[in-house]
Amino acid sequence: MTEGSRPTAVALDIDGTLIDHDEGLSPAVVDAVRRTAAQVPVILATGRAWSTTKPVAERFGLPAGGFVVCSNGARTMRFPDGHVVDERTFDPSTVIESVRKYAPNARMAVEDYDGSYLVTAPFPAGDLGANAKIRVVADDELAPEPVTRLIIRDPEQSEADFVRLAERLGLHGVSYFVGWTAWLDIAPEGVDKSTGLKVALAQYELDPSGLLAIGDGRNDIEMLAYAGRGVAMGSAPDEVKAAADEVTKSVQDDGVAAVLNRWF
């Protein structure tokens, strides 16, 4: 996608991109996204589950019949009916054993088929979504069958600690993303947000060369590289900015609106 060409589709991360960490939503961003969605497909691409992604799509008034990419690319869903267009799963049992060895105090969660979560211990309030359904289970009950994602969280550790933890775990046969805090997302091997975007774009018969993607996290790197034009938020880590074609303002300064207002 050249500098002056108009995007044929837009992919948007949610947390830290559209919405700040206090769930705040800027009227300028809402207006820009709604204007864009009236002209080209807008695809939410997020680490969130469907249950906490759908309300965001509703808040932005995205049109029916579109698609959202959830669980870091492991699920591509049709909005608003939640029909699963594509799903990728893996067996997390080996990873769970490794986590207990190297991070015995970490909390783990898996996303259930209905968008609720099974957790080994309660997560900090709001971490899994303000209205997420959560059930606490024992380690051996966490993943009796393949899952779309495994979340590892330790509020007492730092982001840097979790970068080192990912290295110590020696993760093989899976993909992983270190979040903005002590958060580690484990996905099926080779699955990231670009996986779901390929599925969604195929539904529209669109080429990724015309895709504009905006994100702020390490789990957005593949998406930004896949898109014809990738834009990192101003608050993104350096490695995310390095993967992007440009850097916009932060979520607090309406960075998404600043980009979309050029074309829509």
Protein backbone atom coordinates (compact mmCIF):
# COMPACT_ATOMS: atom_id res chain seq x y z
CA MET A 1 0.00 0.00 0.00
CA THR A 2 1.60 3.26 -1.09
CA GLU A 3 1.54 6.40 1.03
CA GLY A 4 -1.23 8.03 -0.98
CA SER A 5 -3.41 5.01 -1.76
CA ARG A 6 -6.65 4.49 0.13
CA PRO A 7 -6.94 1.33 2.27
CA THR A 8 -9.40 -1.32 1.10
CA ALA A 9 -9.79 -2.71 4.66
CA VAL A 10 -8.71 -1.76 8.18
CA ALA A 11 -7.62 -4.03 11.04
CA LEU A 12 -7.64 -2.56 14.55
CA ASP A 13 -6.30 -3.90 17.83
CA ILE A 14 -8.50 -3.01 20.82
CA ASP A 15 -6.61 -2.59 24.11
CA GLY A 16 -4.04 0.19 24.03
CA THR A 17 -5.12 1.10 20.49
CA LEU A 18 -8.85 1.84 20.45
CA ILE A 19 -9.40 1.71 24.20
CA ASP A 20 -7.08 2.70 27.04
CA HIS A 21 -6.36 0.42 29.96
CA ASP A 22 -9.21 2.02 31.93
CA GLU A 23 -11.68 1.05 29.16
CA GLY A 24 -11.92 4.71 28.15
CA LEU A 25 -13.23 5.43 24.67
CA SER A 26 -12.60 8.71 22.82
CA PRO A 27 -15.48 10.25 20.84
CA ALA A 28 -12.97 11.25 18.15
CA VAL A 29 -11.87 7.63 17.72
CA VAL A 30 -15.46 6.35 17.71
CA ASP A 31 -16.37 8.87 15.03
CA ALA A 32 -13.34 8.00 12.88
CA VAL A 33 -13.96 4.25 13.12
CA ARG A 34 -17.65 4.60 12.30
CA ARG A 35 -16.91 6.74 9.23
CA THR A 36 -14.32 4.21 8.12
CA ALA A 37 -16.62 1.21 8.65
CA ALA A 38 -19.26 2.89 6.46
CA GLN A 39 -16.79 2.83 3.56
CA VAL A 40 -14.52 -0.24 3.92
CA PRO A 41 -14.46 -3.39 6.11
CA VAL A 42 -13.17 -2.72 9.63
CA ILE A 43 -11.91 -5.88 11.36
CA LEU A 44 -11.19 -5.90 15.09
CA ALA A 45 -8.10 -8.07 15.69
CA THR A 46 -7.54 -8.72 19.38
CA GLY A 47 -6.28 -11.05 22.06
CA ARG A 48 -9.70 -10.80 23.69
CA ALA A 49 -12.28 -13.56 23.67
CA TRP A 50 -15.44 -13.21 21.58
CA SER A 51 -17.47 -12.49 24.73
CA THR A 52 -15.47 -9.30 25.44
CA THR A 53 -14.86 -8.38 21.78
CA LYS A 54 -18.51 -8.29 20.71
CA PRO A 55 -19.43 -5.43 23.12
CA VAL A 56 -16.59 -3.32 21.69
CA ALA A 57 -17.80 -3.92 18.13
CA GLU A 58 -21.26 -2.85 19.31
CA ARG A 59 -19.90 0.30 20.95
CA PHE A 60 -18.32 1.28 17.65
CA GLY A 61 -21.49 0.43 15.74
CA LEU A 62 -19.72 -1.91 13.33
CA PRO A 63 -22.09 -3.16 10.62
CA ALA A 64 -23.61 -6.64 10.76
CA GLY A 65 -22.05 -9.27 8.53
CA GLY A 66 -18.46 -8.24 9.26
CA PHE A 67 -15.75 -10.25 10.98
CA VAL A 68 -13.63 -10.05 14.13
CA VAL A 69 -10.39 -11.86 14.88
CA CYS A 70 -10.29 -13.03 18.51
CA SER A 71 -7.88 -14.90 20.77
CA ASN A 72 -4.80 -13.63 18.91
CA GLY A 73 -5.92 -15.17 15.64
CA ALA A 74 -7.11 -18.53 16.94
CA ARG A 75 -10.76 -17.66 16.29
CA THR A 76 -12.29 -15.69 13.44
CA MET A 77 -15.94 -14.89 14.11
CA ARG A 78 -18.77 -13.28 12.21
CA PHE A 79 -20.34 -10.22 13.83
CA PRO A 80 -22.84 -10.05 15.46
CA ASP A 81 -24.04 -13.68 15.47
CA GLY A 82 -20.72 -15.16 16.68
CA HIS A 83 -20.57 -17.80 13.96
CA VAL A 84 -17.11 -19.39 14.01
CA VAL A 85 -15.54 -19.03 10.56
CA ASP A 86 -12.18 -20.47 11.59
CA GLU A 87 -10.73 -21.96 14.79
CA ARG A 88 -7.24 -23.24 15.69
CA THR A 89 -6.51 -25.21 18.89
CA PHE A 90 -3.63 -26.96 20.65
CA ASP A 91 -2.93 -29.24 23.64
CA PRO A 92 -1.49 -27.01 26.44
CA SER A 93 -0.68 -29.79 28.93
CA THR A 94 3.10 -29.68 28.39
CA VAL A 95 3.16 -25.88 28.75
CA ILE A 96 1.08 -26.07 31.94
CA GLU A 97 3.61 -28.48 33.45
CA SER A 98 6.51 -26.19 32.51
CA VAL A 99 4.79 -23.16 34.01
CA ARG A 100 4.30 -24.95 37.31
CA LYS A 101 8.02 -25.81 37.31
CA TYR A 102 9.38 -22.35 36.45
CA ALA A 103 6.63 -20.05 37.75
CA PRO A 104 4.84 -21.92 40.56
CA ASN A 105 2.90 -18.83 41.69
CA ALA A 106 1.59 -17.91 38.25
CA ARG A 107 -2.11 -17.98 37.53
CA MET A 108 -3.30 -19.69 34.36
CA ALA A 109 -6.48 -19.42 32.33
CA VAL A 110 -7.96 -21.01 29.24
CA GLU A 111 -10.79 -19.69 27.14
CA ASP A 112 -13.77 -22.04 27.00
CA TYR A 113 -15.83 -22.64 23.87
CA ASP A 114 -18.49 -20.11 24.99
CA GLY A 115 -16.00 -17.31 25.69
CA SER A 116 -15.92 -17.88 29.46
CA TYR A 117 -12.68 -18.73 31.28
CA LEU A 118 -11.39 -21.56 33.42
CA VAL A 119 -8.69 -20.27 35.80
CA THR A 120 -6.37 -21.84 38.36
CA ALA A 121 -6.82 -18.81 40.64
CA PRO A 122 -8.69 -15.50 40.37
CA PHE A 123 -7.07 -12.91 38.07
CA PRO A 124 -6.88 -9.21 39.02
CA ALA A 125 -10.22 -7.46 38.49
CA GLY A 126 -10.87 -6.63 34.85
CA ASP A 127 -7.91 -8.56 33.44
CA LEU A 128 -10.12 -11.00 31.55
CA GLY A 129 -12.81 -8.44 30.80
CA ALA A 130 -15.16 -6.55 33.07
CA ASN A 131 -18.05 -9.00 32.64
CA ALA A 132 -16.18 -12.20 31.82
CA LYS A 133 -17.58 -15.44 33.23
CA ILE A 134 -14.88 -17.17 35.29
CA ARG A 135 -14.69 -20.56 37.00
CA VAL A 136 -11.77 -21.60 39.25
CA VAL A 137 -10.54 -25.16 38.69
CA ALA A 138 -7.58 -27.35 39.65
CA ASP A 139 -4.55 -27.54 37.33
CA ASP A 140 -5.57 -30.96 36.02
CA GLU A 141 -9.05 -29.67 35.16
CA LEU A 142 -7.80 -26.62 33.28
CA ALA A 143 -7.48 -28.15 29.82
CA PRO A 144 -9.05 -31.60 29.46
CA GLU A 145 -9.23 -30.99 25.69
CA PRO A 146 -7.43 -28.76 23.14
CA VAL A 147 -7.85 -24.99 23.62
CA THR A 148 -7.45 -21.83 21.52
CA ARG A 149 -5.20 -20.09 24.04
CA LEU A 150 -3.51 -20.42 27.42
CA ILE A 151 -2.96 -17.26 29.48
CA ILE A 152 -0.24 -17.05 32.12
CA ARG A 153 -0.39 -14.14 34.58
CA ASP A 154 1.54 -13.16 37.70
CA PRO A 155 0.69 -9.70 39.10
CA GLU A 156 3.79 -9.86 41.33
CA GLN A 157 6.15 -10.09 38.35
CA SER A 158 7.20 -7.50 35.78
CA GLU A 159 6.99 -7.45 32.01
CA ALA A 160 10.74 -8.10 31.85
CA ASP A 161 10.31 -11.10 34.18
CA PHE A 162 7.82 -12.58 31.72
CA VAL A 163 10.11 -12.05 28.75
CA ARG A 164 12.69 -14.13 30.64
CA LEU A 165 10.02 -16.68 31.65
CA ALA A 166 9.10 -17.23 28.00
CA GLU A 167 12.75 -17.96 27.27
CA ARG A 168 13.08 -20.35 30.24
CA LEU A 169 9.95 -22.26 29.30
CA GLY A 170 11.58 -23.27 26.02
CA LEU A 171 8.23 -23.12 24.25
CA HIS A 172 8.01 -25.43 21.23
CA GLY A 173 5.06 -26.27 19.06
CA VAL A 174 3.20 -23.11 20.10
CA SER A 175 3.26 -19.36 19.45
CA TYR A 176 3.51 -16.92 22.34
CA PHE A 177 3.17 -13.20 23.04
CA VAL A 178 4.33 -11.26 26.09
CA GLY A 179 1.73 -8.65 27.04
CA TRP A 180 2.05 -5.08 28.30
CA THR A 181 2.43 -6.36 31.85
CA ALA A 182 3.25 -9.74 33.45
CA TRP A 183 1.08 -11.56 30.94
CA LEU A 184 1.97 -14.39 28.56
CA ASP A 185 -0.42 -15.59 25.85
CA ILE A 186 0.20 -19.05 24.40
CA ALA A 187 -1.41 -19.83 21.03
CA PRO A 188 -1.35 -22.76 18.59
CA GLU A 189 1.89 -23.01 16.62
CA GLY A 190 2.06 -20.57 13.73
CA VAL A 191 -1.10 -18.74 14.83
CA ASP A 192 -1.15 -14.97 15.30
CA LYS A 193 -3.48 -12.14 14.34
CA SER A 194 -2.42 -12.34 10.70
CA THR A 195 -3.82 -15.90 10.64
CA GLY A 196 -7.32 -14.65 11.36
CA LEU A 197 -6.94 -11.65 9.09
CA LYS A 198 -6.11 -13.93 6.16
CA VAL A 199 -9.39 -15.75 6.81
CA ALA A 200 -11.38 -12.52 7.13
CA LEU A 201 -9.88 -10.92 4.01
CA ALA A 202 -10.64 -14.08 2.04
CA GLN A 203 -14.31 -13.64 2.97
CA TYR A 204 -14.20 -10.18 1.37
CA GLU A 205 -12.01 -11.34 -1.55
CA LEU A 206 -9.50 -8.63 -0.62
CA ASP A 207 -5.71 -8.62 -0.83
CA PRO A 208 -3.54 -7.79 2.23
CA SER A 209 -1.68 -5.19 0.17
CA GLY A 210 -4.65 -2.88 0.71
CA LEU A 211 -4.93 -3.60 4.45
CA LEU A 212 -4.19 -0.86 6.99
CA ALA A 213 -3.45 -2.33 10.44
CA ILE A 214 -2.98 -0.44 13.71
CA GLY A 215 -1.77 -1.93 17.00
CA ASP A 216 0.36 -1.38 20.08
CA GLY A 217 1.44 -4.78 21.43
CA ARG A 218 3.93 -7.53 20.74
CA ASN A 219 1.01 -9.67 19.62
CA ASP A 220 0.46 -7.11 16.82
CA ILE A 221 3.90 -7.49 15.22
CA GLU A 222 2.88 -10.16 12.70
CA MET A 223 -0.31 -8.25 11.85
CA LEU A 224 1.62 -5.04 11.18
CA ALA A 225 4.08 -6.89 8.96
CA TYR A 226 1.28 -8.69 7.09
CA ALA A 227 -0.67 -5.53 6.27
CA GLY A 228 0.10 -3.35 3.29
CA ARG A 229 0.59 -0.57 5.84
CA GLY A 230 1.24 -1.26 9.51
CA VAL A 231 0.96 1.52 12.09
CA ALA A 232 2.22 1.28 15.67
CA MET A 233 0.76 3.34 18.49
CA GLY A 234 3.02 5.88 20.16
CA SER A 235 3.11 3.88 23.41
CA ALA A 236 4.14 0.62 21.70
CA PRO A 237 7.38 -1.18 22.68
CA ASP A 238 10.36 -0.49 20.42
CA GLU A 239 10.17 -3.89 18.69
CA VAL A 240 6.56 -3.18 17.69
CA LYS A 241 7.48 0.23 16.30
CA ALA A 242 10.33 -1.38 14.38
CA ALA A 243 7.86 -3.76 12.69
CA ALA A 244 5.58 -0.91 11.57
CA ASP A 245 5.71 1.39 8.56
CA GLU A 246 4.93 4.37 10.76
CA VAL A 247 4.19 5.38 14.34
CA THR A 248 1.13 7.42 15.29
CA LYS A 249 0.11 9.13 18.54
CA SER A 250 -0.79 7.21 21.70
CA VAL A 251 -4.29 5.99 22.53
CA GLN A 252 -4.64 8.92 24.95
CA ASP A 253 -3.99 11.30 22.04
CA ASP A 254 -6.41 9.62 19.62
CA GLY A 255 -3.71 8.00 17.50
CA VAL A 256 -6.20 5.84 15.57
CA ALA A 257 -8.29 8.85 14.59
CA ALA A 258 -5.16 10.69 13.41
CA VAL A 259 -4.46 7.85 10.96
CA LEU A 260 -8.00 7.11 9.76
CA ASN A 261 -8.85 10.78 9.21
CA ARG A 262 -6.36 10.87 6.32
CA TRP A 263 -8.55 8.69 4.14
CA PHE A 264 -12.04 8.51 5.64
